[in-house]
């Protein structure tokens, strides 16, 4: 299973991040947030993206995190 970095427009509160299974992912350009997922398989990732869409969260980018580079982010 892989972890993913999601970049979204705006910010999410702690509870909403928790409900989505995400944690803060560091700094992002103004007006955006970076989130990191728990390890997910492909179907769980698509489910997360669907929940985000249904919640009206504007997705900017999704990137798989290379486990070897994770400490560098």
PDB file of N, CA and C in Angstrom:
ATOM      1  N   UNK A   1       0.840  -1.180   0.000  1.00  0.00           N
ATOM      2  CA  UNK A   1       0.000   0.000   0.000  1.00  0.00           C
ATOM      3  C   UNK A   1       0.885   1.243   0.000  1.00  0.00           C
ATOM      4  N   UNK A   2       0.373   2.265  -0.618  1.00  0.00           N
ATOM      5  CA  UNK A   2       1.132   3.502  -0.776  1.00  0.00           C
ATOM      6  C   UNK A   2       0.512   4.633   0.033  1.00  0.00           C
ATOM      7  N   UNK A   3       1.339   5.632   0.313  1.00  0.00           N
ATOM      8  CA  UNK A   3       0.858   6.882   0.897  1.00  0.00           C
ATOM      9  C   UNK A   3       0.822   7.914  -0.221  1.00  0.00           C
ATOM     10  N   UNK A   4      -0.083   8.874  -0.088  1.00  0.00           N
ATOM     11  CA  UNK A   4      -0.249   9.893  -1.121  1.00  0.00           C
ATOM     12  C   UNK A   4      -0.238  11.277  -0.501  1.00  0.00           C
ATOM     13  N   UNK A   5       0.302  12.231  -1.263  1.00  0.00           N
ATOM     14  CA  UNK A   5       0.224  13.634  -0.891  1.00  0.00           C
ATOM     15  C   UNK A   5      -0.878  14.256  -1.737  1.00  0.00           C
ATOM     16  N   UNK A   6      -1.806  14.927  -1.081  1.00  0.00           N
ATOM     17  CA  UNK A   6      -2.905  15.592  -1.758  1.00  0.00           C
ATOM     18  C   UNK A   6      -2.744  17.089  -1.560  1.00  0.00           C
ATOM     19  N   UNK A   7      -2.881  17.848  -2.623  1.00  0.00           N
ATOM     20  CA  UNK A   7      -2.885  19.298  -2.489  1.00  0.00           C
ATOM     21  C   UNK A   7      -4.293  19.764  -2.800  1.00  0.00           C
ATOM     22  N   UNK A   8      -4.855  20.552  -1.881  1.00  0.00           N
ATOM     23  CA  UNK A   8      -6.232  21.005  -2.026  1.00  0.00           C
ATOM     24  C   UNK A   8      -6.300  22.519  -1.894  1.00  0.00           C
ATOM     25  N   UNK A   9      -7.387  23.079  -2.415  1.00  0.00           N
ATOM     26  CA  UNK A   9      -7.644  24.509  -2.251  1.00  0.00           C
ATOM     27  C   UNK A   9      -8.231  24.719  -0.861  1.00  0.00           C
ATOM     28  N   UNK A  10      -7.764  25.748  -0.173  1.00  0.00           N
ATOM     29  CA  UNK A  10      -8.276  26.052   1.158  1.00  0.00           C
ATOM     30  C   UNK A  10      -7.617  25.206   2.225  1.00  0.00           C
ATOM     31  N   UNK A  11      -8.255  25.191   3.392  1.00  0.00           N
ATOM     32  CA  UNK A  11      -7.728  24.436   4.524  1.00  0.00           C
ATOM     33  C   UNK A  11      -8.814  23.542   5.100  1.00  0.00           C
ATOM     34  N   UNK A  12      -8.387  22.454   5.714  1.00  0.00           N
ATOM     35  CA  UNK A  12      -9.302  21.543   6.402  1.00  0.00           C
ATOM     36  C   UNK A  12      -9.001  21.581   7.884  1.00  0.00           C
ATOM     37  N   UNK A  13     -10.041  21.538   8.683  1.00  0.00           N
ATOM     38  CA  UNK A  13      -9.859  21.452  10.123  1.00  0.00           C
ATOM     39  C   UNK A  13      -9.356  20.077  10.529  1.00  0.00           C
ATOM     40  N   UNK A  14      -8.883  20.002  11.748  1.00  0.00           N
ATOM     41  CA  UNK A  14      -8.314  18.751  12.266  1.00  0.00           C
ATOM     42  C   UNK A  14      -9.321  17.601  12.201  1.00  0.00           C
ATOM     43  N   UNK A  15     -10.561  17.868  12.585  1.00  0.00           N
ATOM     44  CA  UNK A  15     -11.574  16.807  12.580  1.00  0.00           C
ATOM     45  C   UNK A  15     -11.855  16.304  11.171  1.00  0.00           C
ATOM     46  N   UNK A  16     -11.948  17.222  10.230  1.00  0.00           N
ATOM     47  CA  UNK A  16     -12.217  16.821   8.849  1.00  0.00           C
ATOM     48  C   UNK A  16     -11.045  16.027   8.279  1.00  0.00           C
ATOM     49  N   UNK A  17      -9.811  16.451   8.585  1.00  0.00           N
ATOM     50  CA  UNK A  17      -8.636  15.679   8.146  1.00  0.00           C
ATOM     51  C   UNK A  17      -8.686  14.275   8.734  1.00  0.00           C
ATOM     52  N   UNK A  18      -9.003  14.195  10.028  1.00  0.00           N
ATOM     53  CA  UNK A  18      -9.089  12.894  10.694  1.00  0.00           C
ATOM     54  C   UNK A  18     -10.164  12.024  10.034  1.00  0.00           C
ATOM     55  N   UNK A  19     -11.317  12.601   9.755  1.00  0.00           N
ATOM     56  CA  UNK A  19     -12.401  11.850   9.123  1.00  0.00           C
ATOM     57  C   UNK A  19     -11.991  11.297   7.760  1.00  0.00           C
ATOM     58  N   UNK A  20     -11.121  12.025   7.066  1.00  0.00           N
ATOM     59  CA  UNK A  20     -10.649  11.575   5.757  1.00  0.00           C
ATOM     60  C   UNK A  20      -9.435  10.655   5.861  1.00  0.00           C
ATOM     61  N   UNK A  21      -8.859  10.534   7.065  1.00  0.00           N
ATOM     62  CA  UNK A  21      -7.685   9.684   7.246  1.00  0.00           C
ATOM     63  C   UNK A  21      -6.417  10.345   6.747  1.00  0.00           C
ATOM     64  N   UNK A  22      -6.346  11.684   6.873  1.00  0.00           N
ATOM     65  CA  UNK A  22      -5.187  12.436   6.394  1.00  0.00           C
ATOM     66  C   UNK A  22      -4.547  13.201   7.545  1.00  0.00           C
ATOM     67  N   UNK A  23      -3.298  13.562   7.341  1.00  0.00           N
ATOM     68  CA  UNK A  23      -2.573  14.393   8.308  1.00  0.00           C
ATOM     69  C   UNK A  23      -1.962  15.559   7.549  1.00  0.00           C
ATOM     70  N   UNK A  24      -1.597  16.632   8.240  1.00  0.00           N
ATOM     71  CA  UNK A  24      -0.964  17.756   7.550  1.00  0.00           C
ATOM     72  C   UNK A  24       0.309  17.293   6.856  1.00  0.00           C
ATOM     73  N   UNK A  25       0.572  17.878   5.687  1.00  0.00           N
ATOM     74  CA  UNK A  25       1.731  17.446   4.919  1.00  0.00           C
ATOM     75  C   UNK A  25       2.785  18.517   4.730  1.00  0.00           C
ATOM     76  N   UNK A  26       2.782  19.531   5.562  1.00  0.00           N
ATOM     77  CA  UNK A  26       3.796  20.579   5.442  1.00  0.00           C
ATOM     78  C   UNK A  26       3.267  21.814   4.763  1.00  0.00           C
ATOM     79  N   UNK A  27       4.185  22.662   4.340  1.00  0.00           N
ATOM     80  CA  UNK A  27       3.796  23.951   3.778  1.00  0.00           C
ATOM     81  C   UNK A  27       3.285  23.795   2.353  1.00  0.00           C
ATOM     82  N   UNK A  28       2.421  24.722   1.976  1.00  0.00           N
ATOM     83  CA  UNK A  28       1.855  24.760   0.634  1.00  0.00           C
ATOM     84  C   UNK A  28       1.703  26.223   0.242  1.00  0.00           C
ATOM     85  N   UNK A  29       1.552  26.503  -1.043  1.00  0.00           N
ATOM     86  CA  UNK A  29       1.329  27.883  -1.461  1.00  0.00           C
ATOM     87  C   UNK A  29       0.102  28.474  -0.761  1.00  0.00           C
ATOM     88  N   UNK A  30       0.067  29.797  -0.666  1.00  0.00           N
ATOM     89  CA  UNK A  30      -1.054  30.479  -0.008  1.00  0.00           C
ATOM     90  C   UNK A  30      -2.385  30.016  -0.597  1.00  0.00           C
ATOM     91  N   UNK A  31      -3.341  29.775   0.296  1.00  0.00           N
ATOM     92  CA  UNK A  31      -4.670  29.348  -0.125  1.00  0.00           C
ATOM     93  C   UNK A  31      -4.786  27.870  -0.423  1.00  0.00           C
ATOM     94  N   UNK A  32      -3.724  27.108  -0.154  1.00  0.00           N
ATOM     95  CA  UNK A  32      -3.737  25.673  -0.399  1.00  0.00           C
ATOM     96  C   UNK A  32      -3.281  24.929   0.845  1.00  0.00           C
ATOM     97  N   UNK A  33      -3.588  23.637   0.887  1.00  0.00           N
ATOM     98  CA  UNK A  33      -3.127  22.764   1.962  1.00  0.00           C
ATOM     99  C   UNK A  33      -2.524  21.511   1.360  1.00  0.00           C
ATOM    100  N   UNK A  34      -1.518  20.971   2.046  1.00  0.00           N
ATOM    101  CA  UNK A  34      -0.938  19.677   1.695  1.00  0.00           C
ATOM    102  C   UNK A  34      -1.363  18.685   2.758  1.00  0.00           C
ATOM    103  N   UNK A  35      -1.884  17.553   2.309  1.00  0.00           N
ATOM    104  CA  UNK A  35      -2.299  16.478   3.207  1.00  0.00           C
ATOM    105  C   UNK A  35      -1.577  15.211   2.809  1.00  0.00           C
ATOM    106  N   UNK A  36      -1.326  14.343   3.781  1.00  0.00           N
ATOM    107  CA  UNK A  36      -0.709  13.041   3.523  1.00  0.00           C
ATOM    108  C   UNK A  36      -1.669  11.978   4.037  1.00  0.00           C
ATOM    109  N   UNK A  37      -1.894  10.963   3.224  1.00  0.00           N
ATOM    110  CA  UNK A  37      -2.817   9.898   3.601  1.00  0.00           C
ATOM    111  C   UNK A  37      -2.116   8.826   4.416  1.00  0.00           C
ATOM    112  N   UNK A  38      -2.918   8.064   5.096  1.00  0.00           N
ATOM    113  CA  UNK A  38      -2.462   6.799   5.667  1.00  0.00           C
ATOM    114  C   UNK A  38      -2.170   5.881   4.485  1.00  0.00           C
ATOM    115  N   UNK A  39      -1.472   4.769   4.678  1.00  0.00           N
ATOM    116  CA  UNK A  39      -1.278   3.840   3.554  1.00  0.00           C
ATOM    117  C   UNK A  39      -2.617   3.375   2.987  1.00  0.00           C
ATOM    118  N   UNK A  40      -2.740   3.470   1.668  1.00  0.00           N
ATOM    119  CA  UNK A  40      -3.984   3.125   0.979  1.00  0.00           C
ATOM    120  C   UNK A  40      -3.701   2.214  -0.200  1.00  0.00           C
ATOM    121  N   UNK A  41      -4.651   1.330  -0.489  1.00  0.00           N
ATOM    122  CA  UNK A  41      -4.585   0.624  -1.757  1.00  0.00           C
ATOM    123  C   UNK A  41      -5.361   1.461  -2.781  1.00  0.00           C
ATOM    124  N   UNK A  42      -5.356   1.053  -4.003  1.00  0.00           N
ATOM    125  CA  UNK A  42      -5.961   1.860  -5.068  1.00  0.00           C
ATOM    126  C   UNK A  42      -7.450   2.108  -4.843  1.00  0.00           C
ATOM    127  N   UNK A  43      -8.204   1.091  -4.454  1.00  0.00           N
ATOM    128  CA  UNK A  43      -9.643   1.290  -4.267  1.00  0.00           C
ATOM    129  C   UNK A  43      -9.922   2.251  -3.103  1.00  0.00           C
ATOM    130  N   UNK A  44      -9.117   2.191  -2.044  1.00  0.00           N
ATOM    131  CA  UNK A  44      -9.281   3.117  -0.924  1.00  0.00           C
ATOM    132  C   UNK A  44      -8.948   4.552  -1.352  1.00  0.00           C
ATOM    133  N   UNK A  45      -7.949   4.717  -2.214  1.00  0.00           N
ATOM    134  CA  UNK A  45      -7.624   6.050  -2.729  1.00  0.00           C
ATOM    135  C   UNK A  45      -8.797   6.605  -3.518  1.00  0.00           C
ATOM    136  N   UNK A  46      -9.370   5.805  -4.399  1.00  0.00           N
ATOM    137  CA  UNK A  46     -10.518   6.282  -5.177  1.00  0.00           C
ATOM    138  C   UNK A  46     -11.700   6.607  -4.269  1.00  0.00           C
ATOM    139  N   UNK A  47     -11.894   5.820  -3.210  1.00  0.00           N
ATOM    140  CA  UNK A  47     -12.949   6.121  -2.249  1.00  0.00           C
ATOM    141  C   UNK A  47     -12.711   7.453  -1.551  1.00  0.00           C
ATOM    142  N   UNK A  48     -11.452   7.714  -1.162  1.00  0.00           N
ATOM    143  CA  UNK A  48     -11.103   8.988  -0.531  1.00  0.00           C
ATOM    144  C   UNK A  48     -11.373  10.144  -1.485  1.00  0.00           C
ATOM    145  N   UNK A  49     -10.962  10.001  -2.740  1.00  0.00           N
ATOM    146  CA  UNK A  49     -11.186  11.066  -3.720  1.00  0.00           C
ATOM    147  C   UNK A  49     -12.676  11.314  -3.938  1.00  0.00           C
ATOM    148  N   UNK A  50     -13.476  10.268  -3.919  1.00  0.00           N
ATOM    149  CA  UNK A  50     -14.925  10.416  -4.058  1.00  0.00           C
ATOM    150  C   UNK A  50     -15.510  11.150  -2.859  1.00  0.00           C
ATOM    151  N   UNK A  51     -15.066  10.805  -1.638  1.00  0.00           N
ATOM    152  CA  UNK A  51     -15.567  11.504  -0.442  1.00  0.00           C
ATOM    153  C   UNK A  51     -15.176  12.976  -0.469  1.00  0.00           C
ATOM    154  N   UNK A  52     -13.974  13.252  -0.938  1.00  0.00           N
ATOM    155  CA  UNK A  52     -13.529  14.648  -1.038  1.00  0.00           C
ATOM    156  C   UNK A  52     -14.394  15.401  -2.050  1.00  0.00           C
ATOM    157  N   UNK A  53     -14.651  14.794  -3.186  1.00  0.00           N
ATOM    158  CA  UNK A  53     -15.506  15.417  -4.199  1.00  0.00           C
ATOM    159  C   UNK A  53     -16.893  15.684  -3.643  1.00  0.00           C
ATOM    160  N   UNK A  54     -17.455  14.678  -2.972  1.00  0.00           N
ATOM    161  CA  UNK A  54     -18.805  14.818  -2.415  1.00  0.00           C
ATOM    162  C   UNK A  54     -18.872  15.890  -1.339  1.00  0.00           C
ATOM    163  N   UNK A  55     -17.749  16.128  -0.642  1.00  0.00           N
ATOM    164  CA  UNK A  55     -17.691  17.150   0.405  1.00  0.00           C
ATOM    165  C   UNK A  55     -17.396  18.538  -0.166  1.00  0.00           C
ATOM    166  N   UNK A  56     -17.186  18.627  -1.483  1.00  0.00           N
ATOM    167  CA  UNK A  56     -16.916  19.907  -2.108  1.00  0.00           C
ATOM    168  C   UNK A  56     -15.494  20.403  -1.924  1.00  0.00           C
ATOM    169  N   UNK A  57     -14.569  19.487  -1.643  1.00  0.00           N
ATOM    170  CA  UNK A  57     -13.165  19.854  -1.466  1.00  0.00           C
ATOM    171  C   UNK A  57     -12.519  19.909  -2.844  1.00  0.00           C
ATOM    172  N   UNK A  58     -11.912  21.056  -3.161  1.00  0.00           N
ATOM    173  CA  UNK A  58     -11.284  21.242  -4.471  1.00  0.00           C
ATOM    174  C   UNK A  58      -9.886  20.637  -4.481  1.00  0.00           C
ATOM    175  N   UNK A  59      -9.725  19.577  -5.238  1.00  0.00           N
ATOM    176  CA  UNK A  59      -8.456  18.874  -5.352  1.00  0.00           C
ATOM    177  C   UNK A  59      -7.599  19.542  -6.417  1.00  0.00           C
ATOM    178  N   UNK A  60      -6.356  19.826  -6.080  1.00  0.00           N
ATOM    179  CA  UNK A  60      -5.422  20.433  -7.033  1.00  0.00           C
ATOM    180  C   UNK A  60      -4.488  19.379  -7.605  1.00  0.00           C
ATOM    181  N   UNK A  61      -3.944  18.514  -6.743  1.00  0.00           N
ATOM    182  CA  UNK A  61      -2.984  17.512  -7.214  1.00  0.00           C
ATOM    183  C   UNK A  61      -2.946  16.324  -6.264  1.00  0.00           C
ATOM    184  N   UNK A  62      -2.601  15.159  -6.818  1.00  0.00           N
ATOM    185  CA  UNK A  62      -2.374  13.938  -6.043  1.00  0.00           C
ATOM    186  C   UNK A  62      -1.039  13.375  -6.493  1.00  0.00           C
ATOM    187  N   UNK A  63      -0.209  12.999  -5.528  1.00  0.00           N
ATOM    188  CA  UNK A  63       1.089  12.425  -5.865  1.00  0.00           C
ATOM    189  C   UNK A  63       1.400  11.295  -4.910  1.00  0.00           C
ATOM    190  N   UNK A  64       1.820  10.168  -5.463  1.00  0.00           N
ATOM    191  CA  UNK A  64       2.243   9.045  -4.626  1.00  0.00           C
ATOM    192  C   UNK A  64       3.573   9.406  -3.976  1.00  0.00           C
ATOM    193  N   UNK A  65       3.703   9.100  -2.696  1.00  0.00           N
ATOM    194  CA  UNK A  65       4.932   9.386  -1.967  1.00  0.00           C
ATOM    195  C   UNK A  65       5.826   8.161  -2.041  1.00  0.00           C
ATOM    196  N   UNK A  66       7.038   8.378  -2.494  1.00  0.00           N
ATOM    197  CA  UNK A  66       8.032   7.320  -2.524  1.00  0.00           C
ATOM    198  C   UNK A  66       8.491   7.092  -1.087  1.00  0.00           C
ATOM    199  N   UNK A  67       8.355   5.896  -0.544  1.00  0.00           N
ATOM    200  CA  UNK A  67       8.734   5.657   0.855  1.00  0.00           C
ATOM    201  C   UNK A  67      10.183   6.036   1.155  1.00  0.00           C
ATOM    202  N   UNK A  68      11.064   5.971   0.168  1.00  0.00           N
ATOM    203  CA  UNK A  68      12.466   6.314   0.377  1.00  0.00           C
ATOM    204  C   UNK A  68      12.682   7.811   0.495  1.00  0.00           C
ATOM    205  N   UNK A  69      11.778   8.610  -0.092  1.00  0.00           N
ATOM    206  CA  UNK A  69      11.889  10.067  -0.057  1.00  0.00           C
ATOM    207  C   UNK A  69      11.056  10.703   1.040  1.00  0.00           C
ATOM    208  N   UNK A  70      10.231   9.918   1.724  1.00  0.00           N
ATOM    209  CA  UNK A  70       9.260  10.463   2.677  1.00  0.00           C
ATOM    210  C   UNK A  70       9.899  11.295   3.766  1.00  0.00           C
ATOM    211  N   UNK A  71      11.062  10.945   4.228  1.00  0.00           N
ATOM    212  CA  UNK A  71      11.720  11.720   5.269  1.00  0.00           C
ATOM    213  C   UNK A  71      12.222  13.059   4.787  1.00  0.00           C
ATOM    214  N   UNK A  72      12.291  13.259   3.477  1.00  0.00           N
ATOM    215  CA  UNK A  72      12.803  14.505   2.906  1.00  0.00           C
ATOM    216  C   UNK A  72      11.736  15.556   2.711  1.00  0.00           C
ATOM    217  N   UNK A  73      10.436  15.229   2.892  1.00  0.00           N
ATOM    218  CA  UNK A  73       9.367  16.188   2.628  1.00  0.00           C
ATOM    219  C   UNK A  73       9.080  17.041   3.822  1.00  0.00           C
TER     220      UNK A  73
END
